[in-house]
Amino acid sequence: MAARSTAPEKRPGFFSQIRSLYTFTQQQFRFLPWLLVGILVVGVGLGVLLGLLIQPVQWWTVLLWAITGLLAGILASLMTMTRLSTKAMYVKLDGMPGATGHVVSTFLGRGWTASDTPIGINPKTQDAVYRAVGRGGVVIVGEGARGRLARLVGEEKSKITRVAHGVPVHVFYVGHGEGEVPIKDLAKTVKSLPKKLDKATIGAVLKRLDSVSQGLASLPIPKGIDPTKVRAPRPR
């Protein structure tokens, strides 16, 4: 029986991550190659122009400014590709079961505590409810048909009101209908809530909610689509 290797797993290099980022983004935005080339050309052009405007004009100063423009273009290209990759990720996440859990557990920042596991779920319809606790209070997010989510959201809101009286409770529904929040705007919407709680209060609320929460390990959580697999790779 072969011995298991103790060597640390080799992480992909910088250029490998850039290539993965480009491939992921280009699948959604076919114009990406032309956009990146255009940014590089503009960067070099601006560098050459600056070199020609600075007197006295010498070939080596023009060359140095052209190189500077190229480097600035590369930086701008990476920033542009990173932003587009985030948009591409949200496009792929939109409508996936479990996408809400991925967003609230990954993109709310350190001021919020949330899990990618739903706190309530309808096994038949895969409608699910997620919860986040932070400076803005307690946030309940429903994923699925809004009408079918009424009972799950109502039960969770009642529980929060019972154990954390006076704490602001906000309810959002992910979707594209009237009064719903698109998945791409969910994290921004939650983080924009007015800050009402301090760290001590957040900790106390979390303990109270954990004490009354029932384990969901036995519930049939929707499987088959893992939102984390469509996360846009990012260069390091």
C-alpha atoms as a PDB file:
ATOM      1  CA  MET A   1       0.000   0.000   0.000  1.00  0.00           C
ATOM      2  CA  ALA A   2       1.566   3.265  -1.073  1.00  0.00           C
ATOM      3  CA  ALA A   3       2.326   5.779   1.642  1.00  0.00           C
ATOM      4  CA  ARG A   4       0.352   8.989   1.528  1.00  0.00           C
ATOM      5  CA  SER A   5       2.475  11.942   0.556  1.00  0.00           C
ATOM      6  CA  THR A   6       2.960  14.609   3.228  1.00  0.00           C
ATOM      7  CA  ALA A   7       4.152  17.216   0.755  1.00  0.00           C
ATOM      8  CA  PRO A   8       1.949  20.330   0.665  1.00  0.00           C
ATOM      9  CA  GLU A   9      -0.399  20.603  -2.276  1.00  0.00           C
ATOM     10  CA  LYS A  10       1.088  22.748  -5.010  1.00  0.00           C
ATOM     11  CA  ARG A  11      -1.012  25.788  -5.741  1.00  0.00           C
ATOM     12  CA  PRO A  12      -1.406  27.112  -9.265  1.00  0.00           C
ATOM     13  CA  GLY A  13       1.062  29.825 -10.176  1.00  0.00           C
ATOM     14  CA  PHE A  14       0.256  33.449 -10.928  1.00  0.00           C
ATOM     15  CA  PHE A  15       0.135  33.052 -14.690  1.00  0.00           C
ATOM     16  CA  SER A  16      -1.938  29.875 -14.363  1.00  0.00           C
ATOM     17  CA  GLN A  17      -4.475  31.800 -12.288  1.00  0.00           C
ATOM     18  CA  ILE A  18      -4.505  34.621 -14.829  1.00  0.00           C
ATOM     19  CA  ARG A  19      -5.173  32.118 -17.602  1.00  0.00           C
ATOM     20  CA  SER A  20      -8.021  30.534 -15.610  1.00  0.00           C
ATOM     21  CA  LEU A  21      -9.475  33.980 -14.886  1.00  0.00           C
ATOM     22  CA  TYR A  22      -9.321  34.892 -18.562  1.00  0.00           C
ATOM     23  CA  THR A  23     -10.912  31.608 -19.701  1.00  0.00           C
ATOM     24  CA  PHE A  24     -13.726  31.892 -17.144  1.00  0.00           C
ATOM     25  CA  THR A  25     -14.508  35.488 -18.055  1.00  0.00           C
ATOM     26  CA  GLN A  26     -14.207  35.048 -21.824  1.00  0.00           C
ATOM     27  CA  GLN A  27     -16.857  32.323 -21.761  1.00  0.00           C
ATOM     28  CA  GLN A  28     -19.407  34.939 -20.727  1.00  0.00           C
ATOM     29  CA  PHE A  29     -17.969  38.023 -22.431  1.00  0.00           C
ATOM     30  CA  ARG A  30     -16.800  37.107 -25.933  1.00  0.00           C
ATOM     31  CA  PHE A  31     -15.523  40.626 -26.554  1.00  0.00           C
ATOM     32  CA  LEU A  32     -12.929  40.306 -23.780  1.00  0.00           C
ATOM     33  CA  PRO A  33      -9.873  39.718 -26.048  1.00  0.00           C
ATOM     34  CA  TRP A  34     -10.596  42.827 -28.101  1.00  0.00           C
ATOM     35  CA  LEU A  35     -11.265  44.883 -24.985  1.00  0.00           C
ATOM     36  CA  LEU A  36      -7.957  43.897 -23.390  1.00  0.00           C
ATOM     37  CA  VAL A  37      -6.008  44.552 -26.587  1.00  0.00           C
ATOM     38  CA  GLY A  38      -7.699  47.939 -26.875  1.00  0.00           C
ATOM     39  CA  ILE A  39      -6.724  48.863 -23.313  1.00  0.00           C
ATOM     40  CA  LEU A  40      -3.087  47.914 -23.987  1.00  0.00           C
ATOM     41  CA  VAL A  41      -2.997  49.906 -27.241  1.00  0.00           C
ATOM     42  CA  VAL A  42      -4.471  52.960 -25.525  1.00  0.00           C
ATOM     43  CA  GLY A  43      -1.946  52.648 -22.686  1.00  0.00           C
ATOM     44  CA  VAL A  44       1.021  52.484 -25.062  1.00  0.00           C
ATOM     45  CA  GLY A  45      -0.422  55.300 -27.198  1.00  0.00           C
ATOM     46  CA  LEU A  46      -0.801  57.589 -24.196  1.00  0.00           C
ATOM     47  CA  GLY A  47       2.741  56.766 -23.120  1.00  0.00           C
ATOM     48  CA  VAL A  48       4.146  57.633 -26.559  1.00  0.00           C
ATOM     49  CA  LEU A  49       2.098  60.834 -26.630  1.00  0.00           C
ATOM     50  CA  LEU A  50       3.483  61.940 -23.274  1.00  0.00           C
ATOM     51  CA  GLY A  51       6.991  61.113 -24.448  1.00  0.00           C
ATOM     52  CA  LEU A  52       6.523  63.331 -27.524  1.00  0.00           C
ATOM     53  CA  LEU A  53       5.062  66.199 -25.498  1.00  0.00           C
ATOM     54  CA  ILE A  54       7.952  66.361 -23.043  1.00  0.00           C
ATOM     55  CA  GLN A  55      10.728  68.557 -24.398  1.00  0.00           C
ATOM     56  CA  PRO A  56      13.364  67.944 -25.570  1.00  0.00           C
ATOM     57  CA  VAL A  57      12.078  64.923 -27.492  1.00  0.00           C
ATOM     58  CA  GLN A  58      14.520  62.029 -27.400  1.00  0.00           C
ATOM     59  CA  TRP A  59      13.960  58.483 -28.616  1.00  0.00           C
ATOM     60  CA  TRP A  60      14.840  56.851 -25.303  1.00  0.00           C
ATOM     61  CA  THR A  61      12.404  59.047 -23.332  1.00  0.00           C
ATOM     62  CA  VAL A  62       9.654  58.147 -25.811  1.00  0.00           C
ATOM     63  CA  LEU A  63      10.564  54.457 -25.374  1.00  0.00           C
ATOM     64  CA  LEU A  64      10.489  54.713 -21.572  1.00  0.00           C
ATOM     65  CA  TRP A  65       7.099  56.431 -21.642  1.00  0.00           C
ATOM     66  CA  ALA A  66       5.815  53.778 -24.051  1.00  0.00           C
ATOM     67  CA  ILE A  67       6.924  51.033 -21.632  1.00  0.00           C
ATOM     68  CA  THR A  68       5.291  52.918 -18.757  1.00  0.00           C
ATOM     69  CA  GLY A  69       2.076  53.120 -20.761  1.00  0.00           C
ATOM     70  CA  LEU A  70       2.262  49.394 -21.506  1.00  0.00           C
ATOM     71  CA  LEU A  71       2.629  48.565 -17.798  1.00  0.00           C
ATOM     72  CA  ALA A  72      -0.279  50.864 -16.962  1.00  0.00           C
ATOM     73  CA  GLY A  73      -2.314  49.142 -19.676  1.00  0.00           C
ATOM     74  CA  ILE A  74      -1.518  45.717 -18.233  1.00  0.00           C
ATOM     75  CA  LEU A  75      -2.645  46.856 -14.785  1.00  0.00           C
ATOM     76  CA  ALA A  76      -5.842  48.346 -16.200  1.00  0.00           C
ATOM     77  CA  SER A  77      -6.474  45.127 -18.162  1.00  0.00           C
ATOM     78  CA  LEU A  78      -6.161  42.992 -15.025  1.00  0.00           C
ATOM     79  CA  MET A  79      -8.512  45.275 -13.095  1.00  0.00           C
ATOM     80  CA  THR A  80     -11.035  45.229 -15.932  1.00  0.00           C
ATOM     81  CA  MET A  81     -10.877  41.455 -16.268  1.00  0.00           C
ATOM     82  CA  THR A  82     -11.339  41.002 -12.512  1.00  0.00           C
ATOM     83  CA  ARG A  83     -14.480  43.171 -12.521  1.00  0.00           C
ATOM     84  CA  LEU A  84     -15.894  41.373 -15.531  1.00  0.00           C
ATOM     85  CA  SER A  85     -15.142  37.989 -13.946  1.00  0.00           C
ATOM     86  CA  THR A  86     -17.225  39.000 -10.925  1.00  0.00           C
ATOM     87  CA  LYS A  87     -20.132  39.879 -13.228  1.00  0.00           C
ATOM     88  CA  ALA A  88     -19.692  36.569 -15.066  1.00  0.00           C
ATOM     89  CA  MET A  89     -19.776  34.707 -11.760  1.00  0.00           C
ATOM     90  CA  TYR A  90     -23.077  36.313 -10.773  1.00  0.00           C
ATOM     91  CA  VAL A  91     -24.562  35.495 -14.181  1.00  0.00           C
ATOM     92  CA  LYS A  92     -23.758  31.823 -13.627  1.00  0.00           C
ATOM     93  CA  LEU A  93     -24.962  31.889 -10.022  1.00  0.00           C
ATOM     94  CA  ASP A  94     -28.300  33.461 -10.903  1.00  0.00           C
ATOM     95  CA  GLY A  95     -31.053  30.895 -10.418  1.00  0.00           C
ATOM     96  CA  MET A  96     -28.852  28.153  -8.963  1.00  0.00           C
ATOM     97  CA  PRO A  97     -30.083  26.449  -5.766  1.00  0.00           C
ATOM     98  CA  GLY A  98     -27.697  27.414  -2.977  1.00  0.00           C
ATOM     99  CA  ALA A  99     -26.374  30.526  -4.716  1.00  0.00           C
ATOM    100  CA  THR A 100     -27.730  32.745  -1.934  1.00  0.00           C
ATOM    101  CA  GLY A 101     -25.828  30.778   0.693  1.00  0.00           C
ATOM    102  CA  HIS A 102     -22.627  31.189  -1.281  1.00  0.00           C
ATOM    103  CA  VAL A 103     -23.084  34.947  -1.535  1.00  0.00           C
ATOM    104  CA  VAL A 104     -24.009  35.631   2.103  1.00  0.00           C
ATOM    105  CA  SER A 105     -21.203  33.424   3.425  1.00  0.00           C
ATOM    106  CA  THR A 106     -18.532  34.832   1.095  1.00  0.00           C
ATOM    107  CA  PHE A 107     -19.222  38.422   0.075  1.00  0.00           C
ATOM    108  CA  LEU A 108     -20.703  40.187   3.108  1.00  0.00           C
ATOM    109  CA  GLY A 109     -17.336  40.868   4.691  1.00  0.00           C
ATOM    110  CA  ARG A 110     -15.988  40.433   8.201  1.00  0.00           C
ATOM    111  CA  GLY A 111     -18.749  42.474   9.795  1.00  0.00           C
ATOM    112  CA  TRP A 112     -21.321  39.784   9.069  1.00  0.00           C
ATOM    113  CA  THR A 113     -21.723  36.172  10.169  1.00  0.00           C
ATOM    114  CA  ALA A 114     -23.574  33.798   7.867  1.00  0.00           C
ATOM    115  CA  SER A 115     -23.460  30.218   6.642  1.00  0.00           C
ATOM    116  CA  ASP A 116     -23.878  28.703   3.201  1.00  0.00           C
ATOM    117  CA  THR A 117     -26.234  26.154   4.803  1.00  0.00           C
ATOM    118  CA  PRO A 118     -29.908  27.191   4.858  1.00  0.00           C
ATOM    119  CA  ILE A 119     -31.655  27.552   8.207  1.00  0.00           C
ATOM    120  CA  GLY A 120     -34.938  26.453   6.661  1.00  0.00           C
ATOM    121  CA  ILE A 121     -35.740  24.507   3.534  1.00  0.00           C
ATOM    122  CA  ASN A 122     -38.596  22.908   1.639  1.00  0.00           C
ATOM    123  CA  PRO A 123     -37.187  19.567   0.392  1.00  0.00           C
ATOM    124  CA  LYS A 124     -39.796  19.245  -2.329  1.00  0.00           C
ATOM    125  CA  THR A 125     -39.421  22.647  -3.959  1.00  0.00           C
ATOM    126  CA  GLN A 126     -35.836  23.464  -2.836  1.00  0.00           C
ATOM    127  CA  ASP A 127     -37.049  26.834  -1.555  1.00  0.00           C
ATOM    128  CA  ALA A 128     -34.626  27.862   1.174  1.00  0.00           C
ATOM    129  CA  VAL A 129     -34.086  30.557   3.785  1.00  0.00           C
ATOM    130  CA  TYR A 130     -30.696  31.885   4.859  1.00  0.00           C
ATOM    131  CA  ARG A 131     -29.720  34.109   7.765  1.00  0.00           C
ATOM    132  CA  ALA A 132     -26.964  36.641   8.362  1.00  0.00           C
ATOM    133  CA  VAL A 133     -26.179  38.610  11.515  1.00  0.00           C
ATOM    134  CA  GLY A 134     -24.148  41.800  11.503  1.00  0.00           C
ATOM    135  CA  ARG A 135     -23.998  45.500  12.291  1.00  0.00           C
ATOM    136  CA  GLY A 136     -27.239  46.081  10.407  1.00  0.00           C
ATOM    137  CA  GLY A 137     -29.156  43.551  12.506  1.00  0.00           C
ATOM    138  CA  VAL A 138     -30.475  40.158  11.441  1.00  0.00           C
ATOM    139  CA  VAL A 139     -31.108  39.537   7.758  1.00  0.00           C
ATOM    140  CA  ILE A 140     -33.365  36.783   6.439  1.00  0.00           C
ATOM    141  CA  VAL A 141     -32.945  35.957   2.762  1.00  0.00           C
ATOM    142  CA  GLY A 142     -35.433  33.803   0.901  1.00  0.00           C
ATOM    143  CA  GLU A 143     -34.385  31.842  -2.190  1.00  0.00           C
ATOM    144  CA  GLY A 144     -37.180  30.458  -4.327  1.00  0.00           C
ATOM    145  CA  ALA A 145     -40.814  31.293  -5.011  1.00  0.00           C
ATOM    146  CA  ARG A 146     -41.817  34.162  -2.742  1.00  0.00           C
ATOM    147  CA  GLY A 147     -45.303  32.797  -2.091  1.00  0.00           C
ATOM    148  CA  ARG A 148     -44.014  29.424  -0.972  1.00  0.00           C
ATOM    149  CA  LEU A 149     -41.396  31.037   1.267  1.00  0.00           C
ATOM    150  CA  ALA A 150     -43.931  32.864   3.430  1.00  0.00           C
ATOM    151  CA  ARG A 151     -44.160  30.119   6.060  1.00  0.00           C
ATOM    152  CA  LEU A 152     -40.403  29.525   6.333  1.00  0.00           C
ATOM    153  CA  VAL A 153     -39.640  33.235   6.546  1.00  0.00           C
ATOM    154  CA  GLY A 154     -42.452  33.813   9.056  1.00  0.00           C
ATOM    155  CA  GLU A 155     -41.194  31.036  11.343  1.00  0.00           C
ATOM    156  CA  GLU A 156     -37.647  32.351  11.294  1.00  0.00           C
ATOM    157  CA  LYS A 157     -38.729  35.933  11.888  1.00  0.00           C
ATOM    158  CA  SER A 158     -40.873  34.889  14.838  1.00  0.00           C
ATOM    159  CA  LYS A 159     -37.981  32.978  16.349  1.00  0.00           C
ATOM    160  CA  ILE A 160     -35.633  35.926  16.003  1.00  0.00           C
ATOM    161  CA  THR A 161     -38.170  38.330  17.499  1.00  0.00           C
ATOM    162  CA  ARG A 162     -38.689  35.976  20.418  1.00  0.00           C
ATOM    163  CA  VAL A 163     -35.038  35.504  21.387  1.00  0.00           C
ATOM    164  CA  ALA A 164     -33.619  38.873  20.247  1.00  0.00           C
ATOM    165  CA  HIS A 165     -36.339  41.381  21.013  1.00  0.00           C
ATOM    166  CA  GLY A 166     -35.603  44.850  19.688  1.00  0.00           C
ATOM    167  CA  VAL A 167     -32.999  43.756  17.171  1.00  0.00           C
ATOM    168  CA  PRO A 168     -33.727  44.980  13.605  1.00  0.00           C
ATOM    169  CA  VAL A 169     -34.878  42.162  11.317  1.00  0.00           C
ATOM    170  CA  HIS A 170     -34.697  42.626   7.553  1.00  0.00           C
ATOM    171  CA  VAL A 171     -36.245  40.277   4.997  1.00  0.00           C
ATOM    172  CA  PHE A 172     -35.065  40.029   1.389  1.00  0.00           C
ATOM    173  CA  TYR A 173     -36.126  37.756  -1.434  1.00  0.00           C
ATOM    174  CA  VAL A 174     -33.696  36.863  -4.206  1.00  0.00           C
ATOM    175  CA  GLY A 175     -35.123  37.183  -7.684  1.00  0.00           C
ATOM    176  CA  HIS A 176     -36.046  39.573 -10.465  1.00  0.00           C
ATOM    177  CA  GLY A 177     -39.636  40.323  -9.545  1.00  0.00           C
ATOM    178  CA  GLU A 178     -41.106  43.403  -7.928  1.00  0.00           C
ATOM    179  CA  GLY A 179     -39.603  43.957  -4.477  1.00  0.00           C
ATOM    180  CA  GLU A 180     -36.985  41.251  -4.999  1.00  0.00           C
ATOM    181  CA  VAL A 181     -33.207  41.632  -4.993  1.00  0.00           C
ATOM    182  CA  PRO A 182     -31.102  40.231  -7.863  1.00  0.00           C
ATOM    183  CA  ILE A 183     -28.358  37.897  -6.675  1.00  0.00           C
ATOM    184  CA  LYS A 184     -25.694  40.289  -7.995  1.00  0.00           C
ATOM    185  CA  ASP A 185     -27.006  43.083  -5.735  1.00  0.00           C
ATOM    186  CA  LEU A 186     -27.625  41.004  -2.616  1.00  0.00           C
ATOM    187  CA  ALA A 187     -24.306  41.565  -0.844  1.00  0.00           C
ATOM    188  CA  LYS A 188     -24.339  45.296  -1.657  1.00  0.00           C
ATOM    189  CA  THR A 189     -27.903  45.626  -0.389  1.00  0.00           C
ATOM    190  CA  VAL A 190     -27.176  43.879   2.902  1.00  0.00           C
ATOM    191  CA  LYS A 191     -23.967  45.809   3.549  1.00  0.00           C
ATOM    192  CA  SER A 192     -25.756  49.112   2.923  1.00  0.00           C
ATOM    193  CA  LEU A 193     -28.126  48.602   5.877  1.00  0.00           C
ATOM    194  CA  PRO A 194     -27.774  51.212   8.654  1.00  0.00           C
ATOM    195  CA  LYS A 195     -25.460  50.048  11.435  1.00  0.00           C
ATOM    196  CA  LYS A 196     -27.500  49.405  14.564  1.00  0.00           C
ATOM    197  CA  LEU A 197     -25.590  46.762  16.557  1.00  0.00           C
ATOM    198  CA  ASP A 198     -22.161  46.724  18.173  1.00  0.00           C
ATOM    199  CA  LYS A 199     -19.874  43.696  18.362  1.00  0.00           C
ATOM    200  CA  ALA A 200     -21.023  42.690  21.833  1.00  0.00           C
ATOM    201  CA  THR A 201     -24.677  42.734  20.827  1.00  0.00           C
ATOM    202  CA  ILE A 202     -23.935  40.757  17.660  1.00  0.00           C
ATOM    203  CA  GLY A 203     -22.205  38.086  19.735  1.00  0.00           C
ATOM    204  CA  ALA A 204     -25.116  37.877  22.155  1.00  0.00           C
ATOM    205  CA  VAL A 205     -27.639  37.603  19.309  1.00  0.00           C
ATOM    206  CA  LEU A 206     -25.627  34.832  17.660  1.00  0.00           C
ATOM    207  CA  LYS A 207     -25.526  32.842  20.906  1.00  0.00           C
ATOM    208  CA  ARG A 208     -29.264  33.165  21.414  1.00  0.00           C
ATOM    209  CA  LEU A 209     -30.036  32.129  17.858  1.00  0.00           C
ATOM    210  CA  ASP A 210     -27.655  29.176  18.049  1.00  0.00           C
ATOM    211  CA  SER A 211     -29.283  28.023  21.259  1.00  0.00           C
ATOM    212  CA  VAL A 212     -32.704  27.735  19.631  1.00  0.00           C
ATOM    213  CA  SER A 213     -31.607  26.601  16.193  1.00  0.00           C
ATOM    214  CA  GLN A 214     -32.210  22.999  15.336  1.00  0.00           C
ATOM    215  CA  GLY A 215     -29.683  20.998  13.371  1.00  0.00           C
ATOM    216  CA  LEU A 216     -30.334  20.635   9.672  1.00  0.00           C
ATOM    217  CA  ALA A 217     -27.972  17.739   9.114  1.00  0.00           C
ATOM    218  CA  SER A 218     -30.837  15.318   8.499  1.00  0.00           C
ATOM    219  CA  LEU A 219     -32.612  17.560   6.000  1.00  0.00           C
ATOM    220  CA  PRO A 220     -32.189  16.777   2.325  1.00  0.00           C
ATOM    221  CA  ILE A 221     -30.232  19.861   1.271  1.00  0.00           C
ATOM    222  CA  PRO A 222     -30.449  20.382  -2.515  1.00  0.00           C
ATOM    223  CA  LYS A 223     -27.578  18.730  -4.319  1.00  0.00           C
ATOM    224  CA  GLY A 224     -26.332  18.570  -7.850  1.00  0.00           C
ATOM    225  CA  ILE A 225     -25.310  22.209  -8.310  1.00  0.00           C
ATOM    226  CA  ASP A 226     -22.498  23.607  -6.204  1.00  0.00           C
ATOM    227  CA  PRO A 227     -22.376  27.416  -6.521  1.00  0.00           C
ATOM    228  CA  THR A 228     -18.778  27.466  -5.286  1.00  0.00           C
ATOM    229  CA  LYS A 229     -17.709  25.736  -8.479  1.00  0.00           C
ATOM    230  CA  VAL A 230     -18.579  28.783 -10.544  1.00  0.00           C
ATOM    231  CA  ARG A 231     -16.589  31.175  -8.386  1.00  0.00           C
ATOM    232  CA  ALA A 232     -14.410  33.306 -10.580  1.00  0.00           C
ATOM    233  CA  PRO A 233     -10.712  32.456 -10.095  1.00  0.00           C
ATOM    234  CA  ARG A 234      -8.716  35.437  -8.926  1.00  0.00           C
ATOM    235  CA  PRO A 235      -5.022  36.126  -9.427  1.00  0.00           C
ATOM    236  CA  ARG A 236      -2.833  36.286  -6.352  1.00  0.00           C
END
